[in-house]
Amino acid sequence: MPLQNIPDAKKDIPQDRVYQKFTIDRPGKIIFVGHHLSTRTSVRCLIRNISLFGADLEVSRFLPVPKNFFLEILGIRDEIGATLIRREQENVVIGFNMLIDPTFLHHVVRLSFEV
């Protein structure tokens, strides 16, 4: 007798759409990781949405976005390791190298309401 196969509803949903996104519209910086982990080069961006998994950014379509980089949210000292998932013109979808702490996410979302 075969075992019952229960389908996973989240299996077909892309990972960046599984987690709840919060609109923050905060400026940020993409910090390039160079030779010997140097972080001299950076590009400004606008962080539109953020979740535990990643974020949606807006970057000039003429500026390069590396595959791996650090994301800095202006007003917060921490840098978050991130990976490029996809880019369509100026819209960039990234995934964090690990899920961010829910307390940190709450702090970031709360900051966007205080401005």
PDB file of N, CA and C in Angstrom:
ATOM      1  N   MET A   1       0.847  -1.176   0.000  1.00  0.00           N
ATOM      2  CA  MET A   1       0.000   0.000   0.000  1.00  0.00           C
ATOM      3  C   MET A   1       0.895   1.244   0.000  1.00  0.00           C
ATOM      4  N   PRO A   2       0.743   2.137  -0.993  1.00  0.00           N
ATOM      5  CA  PRO A   2       1.588   3.325  -1.066  1.00  0.00           C
ATOM      6  C   PRO A   2       1.226   4.327   0.031  1.00  0.00           C
ATOM      7  N   LEU A   3       2.263   5.030   0.466  1.00  0.00           N
ATOM      8  CA  LEU A   3       2.042   6.086   1.455  1.00  0.00           C
ATOM      9  C   LEU A   3       1.357   7.269   0.798  1.00  0.00           C
ATOM     10  N   GLN A   4       0.586   7.949   1.562  1.00  0.00           N
ATOM     11  CA  GLN A   4      -0.133   9.107   1.033  1.00  0.00           C
ATOM     12  C   GLN A   4       0.832  10.273   0.843  1.00  0.00           C
ATOM     13  N   ASN A   5       0.837  10.867  -0.331  1.00  0.00           N
ATOM     14  CA  ASN A   5       1.706  11.989  -0.643  1.00  0.00           C
ATOM     15  C   ASN A   5       0.913  13.278  -0.453  1.00  0.00           C
ATOM     16  N   ILE A   6       1.322  14.065   0.543  1.00  0.00           N
ATOM     17  CA  ILE A   6       0.655  15.335   0.814  1.00  0.00           C
ATOM     18  C   ILE A   6       1.472  16.437   0.153  1.00  0.00           C
ATOM     19  N   PRO A   7       0.905  17.158  -0.819  1.00  0.00           N
ATOM     20  CA  PRO A   7       1.672  18.192  -1.518  1.00  0.00           C
ATOM     21  C   PRO A   7       1.975  19.382  -0.609  1.00  0.00           C
ATOM     22  N   ASP A   8       3.136  19.958  -0.817  1.00  0.00           N
ATOM     23  CA  ASP A   8       3.547  21.148  -0.076  1.00  0.00           C
ATOM     24  C   ASP A   8       3.076  22.377  -0.850  1.00  0.00           C
ATOM     25  N   ALA A   9       2.209  23.173  -0.227  1.00  0.00           N
ATOM     26  CA  ALA A   9       1.624  24.340  -0.910  1.00  0.00           C
ATOM     27  C   ALA A   9       2.673  25.398  -1.225  1.00  0.00           C
ATOM     28  N   LYS A  10       3.736  25.512  -0.393  1.00  0.00           N
ATOM     29  CA  LYS A  10       4.744  26.551  -0.588  1.00  0.00           C
ATOM     30  C   LYS A  10       5.872  26.116  -1.515  1.00  0.00           C
ATOM     31  N   LYS A  11       5.846  24.885  -1.992  1.00  0.00           N
ATOM     32  CA  LYS A  11       6.926  24.362  -2.817  1.00  0.00           C
ATOM     33  C   LYS A  11       7.064  25.118  -4.139  1.00  0.00           C
ATOM     34  N   ASP A  12       5.954  25.491  -4.742  1.00  0.00           N
ATOM     35  CA  ASP A  12       5.985  26.141  -6.050  1.00  0.00           C
ATOM     36  C   ASP A  12       6.096  27.661  -5.974  1.00  0.00           C
ATOM     37  N   ILE A  13       6.079  28.227  -4.775  1.00  0.00           N
ATOM     38  CA  ILE A  13       6.196  29.676  -4.600  1.00  0.00           C
ATOM     39  C   ILE A  13       7.676  30.020  -4.468  1.00  0.00           C
ATOM     40  N   PRO A  14       8.177  31.021  -5.210  1.00  0.00           N
ATOM     41  CA  PRO A  14       9.579  31.425  -5.052  1.00  0.00           C
ATOM     42  C   PRO A  14       9.861  31.850  -3.615  1.00  0.00           C
ATOM     43  N   GLN A  15      11.073  31.547  -3.144  1.00  0.00           N
ATOM     44  CA  GLN A  15      11.448  31.799  -1.749  1.00  0.00           C
ATOM     45  C   GLN A  15      11.269  33.263  -1.353  1.00  0.00           C
ATOM     46  N   ASP A  16      11.500  34.208  -2.283  1.00  0.00           N
ATOM     47  CA  ASP A  16      11.391  35.620  -1.932  1.00  0.00           C
ATOM     48  C   ASP A  16       9.935  36.076  -1.775  1.00  0.00           C
ATOM     49  N   ARG A  17       8.967  35.225  -2.105  1.00  0.00           N
ATOM     50  CA  ARG A  17       7.557  35.604  -1.959  1.00  0.00           C
ATOM     51  C   ARG A  17       6.860  34.859  -0.825  1.00  0.00           C
ATOM     52  N   VAL A  18       7.562  33.994  -0.127  1.00  0.00           N
ATOM     53  CA  VAL A  18       6.963  33.213   0.953  1.00  0.00           C
ATOM     54  C   VAL A  18       6.764  34.076   2.203  1.00  0.00           C
ATOM     55  N   TYR A  19       7.729  34.936   2.495  1.00  0.00           N
ATOM     56  CA  TYR A  19       7.708  35.723   3.730  1.00  0.00           C
ATOM     57  C   TYR A  19       6.975  37.053   3.528  1.00  0.00           C
ATOM     58  N   GLN A  20       6.347  37.530   4.583  1.00  0.00           N
ATOM     59  CA  GLN A  20       5.616  38.799   4.534  1.00  0.00           C
ATOM     60  C   GLN A  20       6.589  39.953   4.304  1.00  0.00           C
ATOM     61  N   LYS A  21       6.254  40.835   3.356  1.00  0.00           N
ATOM     62  CA  LYS A  21       7.092  41.987   3.046  1.00  0.00           C
ATOM     63  C   LYS A  21       6.511  43.241   3.685  1.00  0.00           C
ATOM     64  N   PHE A  22       7.412  44.108   4.141  1.00  0.00           N
ATOM     65  CA  PHE A  22       7.025  45.373   4.749  1.00  0.00           C
ATOM     66  C   PHE A  22       7.613  46.508   3.925  1.00  0.00           C
ATOM     67  N   THR A  23       6.796  47.490   3.591  1.00  0.00           N
ATOM     68  CA  THR A  23       7.256  48.647   2.817  1.00  0.00           C
ATOM     69  C   THR A  23       7.966  49.603   3.751  1.00  0.00           C
ATOM     70  N   ILE A  24       9.227  49.944   3.411  1.00  0.00           N
ATOM     71  CA  ILE A  24       9.973  50.879   4.259  1.00  0.00           C
ATOM     72  C   ILE A  24      10.464  52.098   3.485  1.00  0.00           C
ATOM     73  N   ASP A  25      10.694  51.981   2.189  1.00  0.00           N
ATOM     74  CA  ASP A  25      11.171  53.100   1.356  1.00  0.00           C
ATOM     75  C   ASP A  25      12.274  53.907   2.049  1.00  0.00           C
ATOM     76  N   ARG A  26      13.352  53.216   2.404  1.00  0.00           N
ATOM     77  CA  ARG A  26      14.497  53.847   3.069  1.00  0.00           C
ATOM     78  C   ARG A  26      15.714  53.809   2.154  1.00  0.00           C
ATOM     79  N   PRO A  27      16.565  54.843   2.228  1.00  0.00           N
ATOM     80  CA  PRO A  27      17.798  54.802   1.447  1.00  0.00           C
ATOM     81  C   PRO A  27      18.757  53.756   2.011  1.00  0.00           C
ATOM     82  N   GLY A  28      19.557  53.209   1.128  1.00  0.00           N
ATOM     83  CA  GLY A  28      20.532  52.214   1.545  1.00  0.00           C
ATOM     84  C   GLY A  28      21.757  52.268   0.662  1.00  0.00           C
ATOM     85  N   LYS A  29      22.718  51.394   0.962  1.00  0.00           N
ATOM     86  CA  LYS A  29      23.944  51.309   0.177  1.00  0.00           C
ATOM     87  C   LYS A  29      24.242  49.854  -0.118  1.00  0.00           C
ATOM     88  N   ILE A  30      24.607  49.580  -1.356  1.00  0.00           N
ATOM     89  CA  ILE A  30      25.121  48.274  -1.751  1.00  0.00           C
ATOM     90  C   ILE A  30      26.631  48.388  -1.680  1.00  0.00           C
ATOM     91  N   ILE A  31      27.246  47.602  -0.815  1.00  0.00           N
ATOM     92  CA  ILE A  31      28.685  47.662  -0.608  1.00  0.00           C
ATOM     93  C   ILE A  31      29.325  46.457  -1.288  1.00  0.00           C
ATOM     94  N   PHE A  32      30.144  46.720  -2.290  1.00  0.00           N
ATOM     95  CA  PHE A  32      30.794  45.662  -3.052  1.00  0.00           C
ATOM     96  C   PHE A  32      31.836  44.969  -2.188  1.00  0.00           C
ATOM     97  N   VAL A  33      31.959  43.674  -2.339  1.00  0.00           N
ATOM     98  CA  VAL A  33      32.991  42.907  -1.648  1.00  0.00           C
ATOM     99  C   VAL A  33      34.123  42.697  -2.637  1.00  0.00           C
ATOM    100  N   GLY A  34      35.270  43.327  -2.349  1.00  0.00           N
ATOM    101  CA  GLY A  34      36.390  43.268  -3.275  1.00  0.00           C
ATOM    102  C   GLY A  34      37.434  42.245  -2.865  1.00  0.00           C
ATOM    103  N   HIS A  35      38.628  42.438  -3.396  1.00  0.00           N
ATOM    104  CA  HIS A  35      39.761  41.560  -3.117  1.00  0.00           C
ATOM    105  C   HIS A  35      40.105  41.605  -1.627  1.00  0.00           C
ATOM    106  N   HIS A  36      40.306  40.472  -1.008  1.00  0.00           N
ATOM    107  CA  HIS A  36      40.593  40.352   0.429  1.00  0.00           C
ATOM    108  C   HIS A  36      39.487  40.970   1.286  1.00  0.00           C
ATOM    109  N   LEU A  37      38.253  40.846   0.815  1.00  0.00           N
ATOM    110  CA  LEU A  37      37.054  41.339   1.509  1.00  0.00           C
ATOM    111  C   LEU A  37      37.080  42.843   1.749  1.00  0.00           C
ATOM    112  N   SER A  38      37.749  43.591   0.883  1.00  0.00           N
ATOM    113  CA  SER A  38      37.731  45.046   1.012  1.00  0.00           C
ATOM    114  C   SER A  38      36.351  45.559   0.599  1.00  0.00           C
ATOM    115  N   THR A  39      35.935  46.656   1.203  1.00  0.00           N
ATOM    116  CA  THR A  39      34.590  47.204   0.962  1.00  0.00           C
ATOM    117  C   THR A  39      34.681  48.691   0.616  1.00  0.00           C
ATOM    118  N   ARG A  40      35.468  49.014  -0.390  1.00  0.00           N
ATOM    119  CA  ARG A  40      35.662  50.423  -0.748  1.00  0.00           C
ATOM    120  C   ARG A  40      34.574  50.974  -1.643  1.00  0.00           C
ATOM    121  N   THR A  41      34.071  50.172  -2.550  1.00  0.00           N
ATOM    122  CA  THR A  41      33.109  50.655  -3.534  1.00  0.00           C
ATOM    123  C   THR A  41      31.692  50.435  -3.039  1.00  0.00           C
ATOM    124  N   SER A  42      30.848  51.451  -3.215  1.00  0.00           N
ATOM    125  CA  SER A  42      29.450  51.309  -2.823  1.00  0.00           C
ATOM    126  C   SER A  42      28.563  52.060  -3.809  1.00  0.00           C
ATOM    127  N   VAL A  43      27.305  51.650  -3.855  1.00  0.00           N
ATOM    128  CA  VAL A  43      26.303  52.246  -4.736  1.00  0.00           C
ATOM    129  C   VAL A  43      25.079  52.548  -3.893  1.00  0.00           C
ATOM    130  N   ARG A  44      24.490  53.694  -4.092  1.00  0.00           N
ATOM    131  CA  ARG A  44      23.268  54.050  -3.356  1.00  0.00           C
ATOM    132  C   ARG A  44      22.064  53.341  -3.960  1.00  0.00           C
ATOM    133  N   CYS A  45      21.095  53.033  -3.102  1.00  0.00           N
ATOM    134  CA  CYS A  45      19.874  52.380  -3.565  1.00  0.00           C
ATOM    135  C   CYS A  45      18.711  52.824  -2.679  1.00  0.00           C
ATOM    136  N   LEU A  46      17.524  52.452  -3.073  1.00  0.00           N
ATOM    137  CA  LEU A  46      16.328  52.706  -2.279  1.00  0.00           C
ATOM    138  C   LEU A  46      15.736  51.345  -1.934  1.00  0.00           C
ATOM    139  N   ILE A  47      15.585  51.081  -0.655  1.00  0.00           N
ATOM    140  CA  ILE A  47      15.033  49.809  -0.193  1.00  0.00           C
ATOM    141  C   ILE A  47      13.522  49.978  -0.130  1.00  0.00           C
ATOM    142  N   ARG A  48      12.822  49.361  -1.054  1.00  0.00           N
ATOM    143  CA  ARG A  48      11.358  49.486  -1.138  1.00  0.00           C
ATOM    144  C   ARG A  48      10.656  48.608  -0.120  1.00  0.00           C
ATOM    145  N   ASN A  49      10.965  47.306  -0.135  1.00  0.00           N
ATOM    146  CA  ASN A  49      10.320  46.335   0.754  1.00  0.00           C
ATOM    147  C   ASN A  49      11.389  45.480   1.410  1.00  0.00           C
ATOM    148  N   ILE A  50      11.071  44.969   2.598  1.00  0.00           N
ATOM    149  CA  ILE A  50      11.996  44.092   3.303  1.00  0.00           C
ATOM    150  C   ILE A  50      11.201  42.984   3.982  1.00  0.00           C
ATOM    151  N   SER A  51      11.808  41.812   4.063  1.00  0.00           N
ATOM    152  CA  SER A  51      11.209  40.681   4.769  1.00  0.00           C
ATOM    153  C   SER A  51      12.319  39.960   5.520  1.00  0.00           C
ATOM    154  N   LEU A  52      11.968  38.883   6.207  1.00  0.00           N
ATOM    155  CA  LEU A  52      12.975  38.095   6.897  1.00  0.00           C
ATOM    156  C   LEU A  52      13.957  37.480   5.902  1.00  0.00           C
ATOM    157  N   PHE A  53      13.495  37.205   4.694  1.00  0.00           N
ATOM    158  CA  PHE A  53      14.302  36.523   3.681  1.00  0.00           C
ATOM    159  C   PHE A  53      15.160  37.466   2.841  1.00  0.00           C
ATOM    160  N   GLY A  54      14.615  38.636   2.464  1.00  0.00           N
ATOM    161  CA  GLY A  54      15.340  39.516   1.551  1.00  0.00           C
ATOM    162  C   GLY A  54      14.669  40.856   1.401  1.00  0.00           C
ATOM    163  N   ALA A  55      14.957  41.516   0.285  1.00  0.00           N
ATOM    164  CA  ALA A  55      14.433  42.864   0.071  1.00  0.00           C
ATOM    165  C   ALA A  55      14.270  43.148  -1.415  1.00  0.00           C
ATOM    166  N   ASP A  56      13.452  44.150  -1.709  1.00  0.00           N
ATOM    167  CA  ASP A  56      13.286  44.681  -3.057  1.00  0.00           C
ATOM    168  C   ASP A  56      13.952  46.045  -3.074  1.00  0.00           C
ATOM    169  N   LEU A  57      14.893  46.229  -3.987  1.00  0.00           N
ATOM    170  CA  LEU A  57      15.644  47.474  -4.069  1.00  0.00           C
ATOM    171  C   LEU A  57      15.362  48.176  -5.390  1.00  0.00           C
ATOM    172  N   GLU A  58      15.632  49.459  -5.385  1.00  0.00           N
ATOM    173  CA  GLU A  58      15.584  50.240  -6.623  1.00  0.00           C
ATOM    174  C   GLU A  58      16.965  50.850  -6.821  1.00  0.00           C
ATOM    175  N   VAL A  59      17.601  50.494  -7.945  1.00  0.00           N
ATOM    176  CA  VAL A  59      18.952  50.949  -8.267  1.00  0.00           C
ATOM    177  C   VAL A  59      18.932  51.448  -9.703  1.00  0.00           C
ATOM    178  N   SER A  60      19.705  52.484  -9.989  1.00  0.00           N
ATOM    179  CA  SER A  60      19.787  52.965 -11.363  1.00  0.00           C
ATOM    180  C   SER A  60      20.157  51.811 -12.285  1.00  0.00           C
ATOM    181  N   ARG A  61      19.464  51.711 -13.399  1.00  0.00           N
ATOM    182  CA  ARG A  61      19.712  50.577 -14.294  1.00  0.00           C
ATOM    183  C   ARG A  61      21.081  50.649 -14.955  1.00  0.00           C
ATOM    184  N   PHE A  62      21.754  51.782 -14.846  1.00  0.00           N
ATOM    185  CA  PHE A  62      23.078  51.939 -15.438  1.00  0.00           C
ATOM    186  C   PHE A  62      24.198  51.544 -14.481  1.00  0.00           C
ATOM    187  N   LEU A  63      23.856  51.292 -13.217  1.00  0.00           N
ATOM    188  CA  LEU A  63      24.860  50.902 -12.230  1.00  0.00           C
ATOM    189  C   LEU A  63      24.893  49.384 -12.080  1.00  0.00           C
ATOM    190  N   PRO A  64      26.077  48.810 -11.937  1.00  0.00           N
ATOM    191  CA  PRO A  64      26.174  47.359 -11.779  1.00  0.00           C
ATOM    192  C   PRO A  64      25.782  46.938 -10.363  1.00  0.00           C
ATOM    193  N   VAL A  65      25.231  45.749 -10.245  1.00  0.00           N
ATOM    194  CA  VAL A  65      24.939  45.156  -8.940  1.00  0.00           C
ATOM    195  C   VAL A  65      25.648  43.803  -8.916  1.00  0.00           C
ATOM    196  N   PRO A  66      26.595  43.612  -7.987  1.00  0.00           N
ATOM    197  CA  PRO A  66      27.327  42.348  -7.951  1.00  0.00           C
ATOM    198  C   PRO A  66      26.448  41.197  -7.471  1.00  0.00           C
ATOM    199  N   LYS A  67      26.907  39.990  -7.704  1.00  0.00           N
ATOM    200  CA  LYS A  67      26.165  38.800  -7.286  1.00  0.00           C
ATOM    201  C   LYS A  67      26.098  38.711  -5.756  1.00  0.00           C
ATOM    202  N   ASN A  68      27.193  39.011  -5.071  1.00  0.00           N
ATOM    203  CA  ASN A  68      27.240  38.988  -3.605  1.00  0.00           C
ATOM    204  C   ASN A  68      27.740  40.336  -3.100  1.00  0.00           C
ATOM    205  N   PHE A  69      27.124  40.835  -2.046  1.00  0.00           N
ATOM    206  CA  PHE A  69      27.466  42.152  -1.521  1.00  0.00           C
ATOM    207  C   PHE A  69      26.917  42.293  -0.104  1.00  0.00           C
ATOM    208  N   PHE A  70      27.203  43.430   0.510  1.00  0.00           N
ATOM    209  CA  PHE A  70      26.606  43.787   1.798  1.00  0.00           C
ATOM    210  C   PHE A  70      25.588  44.892   1.554  1.00  0.00           C
ATOM    211  N   LEU A  71      24.478  44.831   2.264  1.00  0.00           N
ATOM    212  CA  LEU A  71      23.456  45.875   2.194  1.00  0.00           C
ATOM    213  C   LEU A  71      23.476  46.639   3.502  1.00  0.00           C
ATOM    214  N   GLU A  72      23.575  47.955   3.401  1.00  0.00           N
ATOM    215  CA  GLU A  72      23.521  48.814   4.580  1.00  0.00           C
ATOM    216  C   GLU A  72      22.258  49.662   4.491  1.00  0.00           C
ATOM    217  N   ILE A  73      21.459  49.637   5.531  1.00  0.00           N
ATOM    218  CA  ILE A  73      20.277  50.480   5.615  1.00  0.00           C
ATOM    219  C   ILE A  73      20.699  51.746   6.331  1.00  0.00           C
ATOM    220  N   LEU A  74      20.570  52.902   5.663  1.00  0.00           N
ATOM    221  CA  LEU A  74      21.019  54.142   6.272  1.00  0.00           C
ATOM    222  C   LEU A  74      20.256  54.390   7.568  1.00  0.00           C
ATOM    223  N   GLY A  75      20.996  54.750   8.599  1.00  0.00           N
ATOM    224  CA  GLY A  75      20.420  54.946   9.917  1.00  0.00           C
ATOM    225  C   GLY A  75      20.608  53.741  10.824  1.00  0.00           C
ATOM    226  N   ILE A  76      21.087  52.631  10.256  1.00  0.00           N
ATOM    227  CA  ILE A  76      21.345  51.416  11.035  1.00  0.00           C
ATOM    228  C   ILE A  76      22.779  51.005  10.759  1.00  0.00           C
ATOM    229  N   ARG A  77      23.526  50.687  11.798  1.00  0.00           N
ATOM    230  CA  ARG A  77      24.951  50.422  11.653  1.00  0.00           C
ATOM    231  C   ARG A  77      25.275  49.080  11.009  1.00  0.00           C
ATOM    232  N   ASP A  78      24.414  48.106  11.158  1.00  0.00           N
ATOM    233  CA  ASP A  78      24.718  46.758  10.681  1.00  0.00           C
ATOM    234  C   ASP A  78      24.703  46.664   9.160  1.00  0.00           C
ATOM    235  N   GLU A  79      25.572  45.800   8.644  1.00  0.00           N
ATOM    236  CA  GLU A  79      25.576  45.464   7.230  1.00  0.00           C
ATOM    237  C   GLU A  79      25.072  44.034   7.103  1.00  0.00           C
ATOM    238  N   ILE A  80      24.244  43.779   6.102  1.00  0.00           N
ATOM    239  CA  ILE A  80      23.630  42.471   5.923  1.00  0.00           C
ATOM    240  C   ILE A  80      24.214  41.835   4.666  1.00  0.00           C
ATOM    241  N   GLY A  81      24.729  40.626   4.788  1.00  0.00           N
ATOM    242  CA  GLY A  81      25.229  39.894   3.632  1.00  0.00           C
ATOM    243  C   GLY A  81      24.063  39.516   2.732  1.00  0.00           C
ATOM    244  N   ALA A  82      24.206  39.754   1.424  1.00  0.00           N
ATOM    245  CA  ALA A  82      23.088  39.528   0.509  1.00  0.00           C
ATOM    246  C   ALA A  82      23.574  38.954  -0.815  1.00  0.00           C
ATOM    247  N   THR A  83      22.631  38.342  -1.533  1.00  0.00           N
ATOM    248  CA  THR A  83      22.889  37.756  -2.845  1.00  0.00           C
ATOM    249  C   THR A  83      21.812  38.209  -3.820  1.00  0.00           C
ATOM    250  N   LEU A  84      22.221  38.562  -5.022  1.00  0.00           N
ATOM    251  CA  LEU A  84      21.293  38.982  -6.065  1.00  0.00           C
ATOM    252  C   LEU A  84      20.474  37.783  -6.533  1.00  0.00           C
ATOM    253  N   ILE A  85      19.143  37.930  -6.538  1.00  0.00           N
ATOM    254  CA  ILE A  85      18.264  36.874  -7.037  1.00  0.00           C
ATOM    255  C   ILE A  85      17.886  37.166  -8.483  1.00  0.00           C
ATOM    256  N   ARG A  86      17.384  38.367  -8.730  1.00  0.00           N
ATOM    257  CA  ARG A  86      17.054  38.753 -10.105  1.00  0.00           C
ATOM    258  C   ARG A  86      17.025  40.282 -10.207  1.00  0.00           C
ATOM    259  N   ARG A  87      17.195  40.736 -11.443  1.00  0.00           N
ATOM    260  CA  ARG A  87      17.176  42.171 -11.712  1.00  0.00           C
ATOM    261  C   ARG A  87      16.379  42.411 -12.980  1.00  0.00           C
ATOM    262  N   GLU A  88      15.457  43.372 -12.914  1.00  0.00           N
ATOM    263  CA  GLU A  88      14.666  43.798 -14.066  1.00  0.00           C
ATOM    264  C   GLU A  88      14.721  45.316 -14.118  1.00  0.00           C
ATOM    265  N   GLN A  89      15.524  45.829 -15.026  1.00  0.00           N
ATOM    266  CA  GLN A  89      15.762  47.272 -15.164  1.00  0.00           C
ATOM    267  C   GLN A  89      16.289  47.831 -13.847  1.00  0.00           C
ATOM    268  N   GLU A  90      15.522  48.728 -13.195  1.00  0.00           N
ATOM    269  CA  GLU A  90      16.006  49.299 -11.932  1.00  0.00           C
ATOM    270  C   GLU A  90      15.500  48.542 -10.703  1.00  0.00           C
ATOM    271  N   ASN A  91      14.654  47.549 -10.881  1.00  0.00           N
ATOM    272  CA  ASN A  91      14.148  46.750  -9.758  1.00  0.00           C
ATOM    273  C   ASN A  91      15.061  45.555  -9.512  1.00  0.00           C
ATOM    274  N   VAL A  92      15.531  45.449  -8.274  1.00  0.00           N
ATOM    275  CA  VAL A  92      16.460  44.391  -7.897  1.00  0.00           C
ATOM    276  C   VAL A  92      15.851  43.623  -6.725  1.00  0.00           C
ATOM    277  N   VAL A  93      15.833  42.306  -6.845  1.00  0.00           N
ATOM    278  CA  VAL A  93      15.351  41.446  -5.758  1.00  0.00           C
ATOM    279  C   VAL A  93      16.565  40.725  -5.192  1.00  0.00           C
ATOM    280  N   ILE A  94      16.735  40.828  -3.871  1.00  0.00           N
ATOM    281  CA  ILE A  94      17.879  40.191  -3.222  1.00  0.00           C
ATOM    282  C   ILE A  94      17.396  39.243  -2.135  1.00  0.00           C
ATOM    283  N   GLY A  95      18.242  38.307  -1.791  1.00  0.00           N
ATOM    284  CA  GLY A  95      18.004  37.418  -0.667  1.00  0.00           C
ATOM    285  C   GLY A  95      19.137  37.595   0.320  1.00  0.00           C
ATOM    286  N   PHE A  96      18.816  37.623   1.596  1.00  0.00           N
ATOM    287  CA  PHE A  96      19.858  37.721   2.606  1.00  0.00           C
ATOM    288  C   PHE A  96      20.541  36.366   2.733  1.00  0.00           C
ATOM    289  N   ASN A  97      21.810  36.377   3.102  1.00  0.00           N
ATOM    290  CA  ASN A  97      22.561  35.131   3.196  1.00  0.00           C
ATOM    291  C   ASN A  97      22.032  34.227   4.309  1.00  0.00           C
ATOM    292  N   MET A  98      21.325  34.794   5.257  1.00  0.00           N
ATOM    293  CA  MET A  98      20.596  34.030   6.260  1.00  0.00           C
ATOM    294  C   MET A  98      19.400  34.870   6.696  1.00  0.00           C
ATOM    295  N   LEU A  99      18.357  34.215   7.193  1.00  0.00           N
ATOM    296  CA  LEU A  99      17.179  34.965   7.630  1.00  0.00           C
ATOM    297  C   LEU A  99      17.591  35.960   8.698  1.00  0.00           C
ATOM    298  N   ILE A 100      17.079  37.193   8.587  1.00  0.00           N
ATOM    299  CA  ILE A 100      17.429  38.182   9.604  1.00  0.00           C
ATOM    300  C   ILE A 100      16.572  37.962  10.838  1.00  0.00           C
ATOM    301  N   ASP A 101      17.049  38.455  11.938  1.00  0.00           N
ATOM    302  CA  ASP A 101      16.367  38.316  13.222  1.00  0.00           C
ATOM    303  C   ASP A 101      15.043  39.088  13.185  1.00  0.00           C
ATOM    304  N   PRO A 102      13.946  38.493  13.635  1.00  0.00           N
ATOM    305  CA  PRO A 102      12.661  39.204  13.633  1.00  0.00           C
ATOM    306  C   PRO A 102      12.681  40.497  14.454  1.00  0.00           C
ATOM    307  N   THR A 103      13.471  40.531  15.512  1.00  0.00           N
ATOM    308  CA  THR A 103      13.581  41.755  16.322  1.00  0.00           C
ATOM    309  C   THR A 103      14.245  42.864  15.518  1.00  0.00           C
ATOM    310  N   PHE A 104      15.275  42.509  14.740  1.00  0.00           N
ATOM    311  CA  PHE A 104      15.946  43.482  13.875  1.00  0.00           C
ATOM    312  C   PHE A 104      14.984  43.989  12.805  1.00  0.00           C
ATOM    313  N   LEU A 105      14.225  43.082  12.199  1.00  0.00           N
ATOM    314  CA  LEU A 105      13.239  43.480  11.181  1.00  0.00           C
ATOM    315  C   LEU A 105      12.214  44.441  11.782  1.00  0.00           C
ATOM    316  N   HIS A 106      11.744  44.144  12.981  1.00  0.00           N
ATOM    317  CA  HIS A 106      10.778  45.018  13.656  1.00  0.00           C
ATOM    318  C   HIS A 106      11.389  46.405  13.870  1.00  0.00           C
ATOM    319  N   HIS A 107      12.665  46.454  14.261  1.00  0.00           N
ATOM    320  CA  HIS A 107      13.358  47.722  14.472  1.00  0.00           C
ATOM    321  C   HIS A 107      13.438  48.526  13.170  1.00  0.00           C
ATOM    322  N   VAL A 108      13.757  47.859  12.065  1.00  0.00           N
ATOM    323  CA  VAL A 108      13.856  48.534  10.756  1.00  0.00           C
ATOM    324  C   VAL A 108      12.504  49.067  10.324  1.00  0.00           C
ATOM    325  N   VAL A 109      11.459  48.267  10.473  1.00  0.00           N
ATOM    326  CA  VAL A 109      10.111  48.700  10.078  1.00  0.00           C
ATOM    327  C   VAL A 109       9.644  49.845  10.961  1.00  0.00           C
ATOM    328  N   ARG A 110       9.927  49.766  12.245  1.00  0.00           N
ATOM    329  CA  ARG A 110       9.517  50.823  13.168  1.00  0.00           C
ATOM    330  C   ARG A 110      10.219  52.135  12.836  1.00  0.00           C
ATOM    331  N   LEU A 111      11.498  52.074  12.419  1.00  0.00           N
ATOM    332  CA  LEU A 111      12.227  53.284  12.038  1.00  0.00           C
ATOM    333  C   LEU A 111      11.576  54.006  10.876  1.00  0.00           C
ATOM    334  N   SER A 112      11.009  53.236   9.934  1.00  0.00           N
ATOM    335  CA  SER A 112      10.397  53.872   8.773  1.00  0.00           C
ATOM    336  C   SER A 112       9.128  54.640   9.144  1.00  0.00           C
ATOM    337  N   PHE A 113       8.492  54.266  10.257  1.00  0.00           N
ATOM    338  CA  PHE A 113       7.297  54.992  10.690  1.00  0.00           C
ATOM    339  C   PHE A 113       7.644  56.222  11.518  1.00  0.00           C
ATOM    340  N   GLU A 114       8.836  56.256  12.119  1.00  0.00           N
ATOM    341  CA  GLU A 114       9.229  57.373  12.977  1.00  0.00           C
ATOM    342  C   GLU A 114       9.671  58.588  12.179  1.00  0.00           C
ATOM    343  N   VAL A 115      10.031  58.409  10.917  1.00  0.00           N
ATOM    344  CA  VAL A 115      10.542  59.522  10.115  1.00  0.00           C
ATOM    345  C   VAL A 115       9.453  60.477   9.736  1.00  0.00           C
TER     346      VAL A 115
END
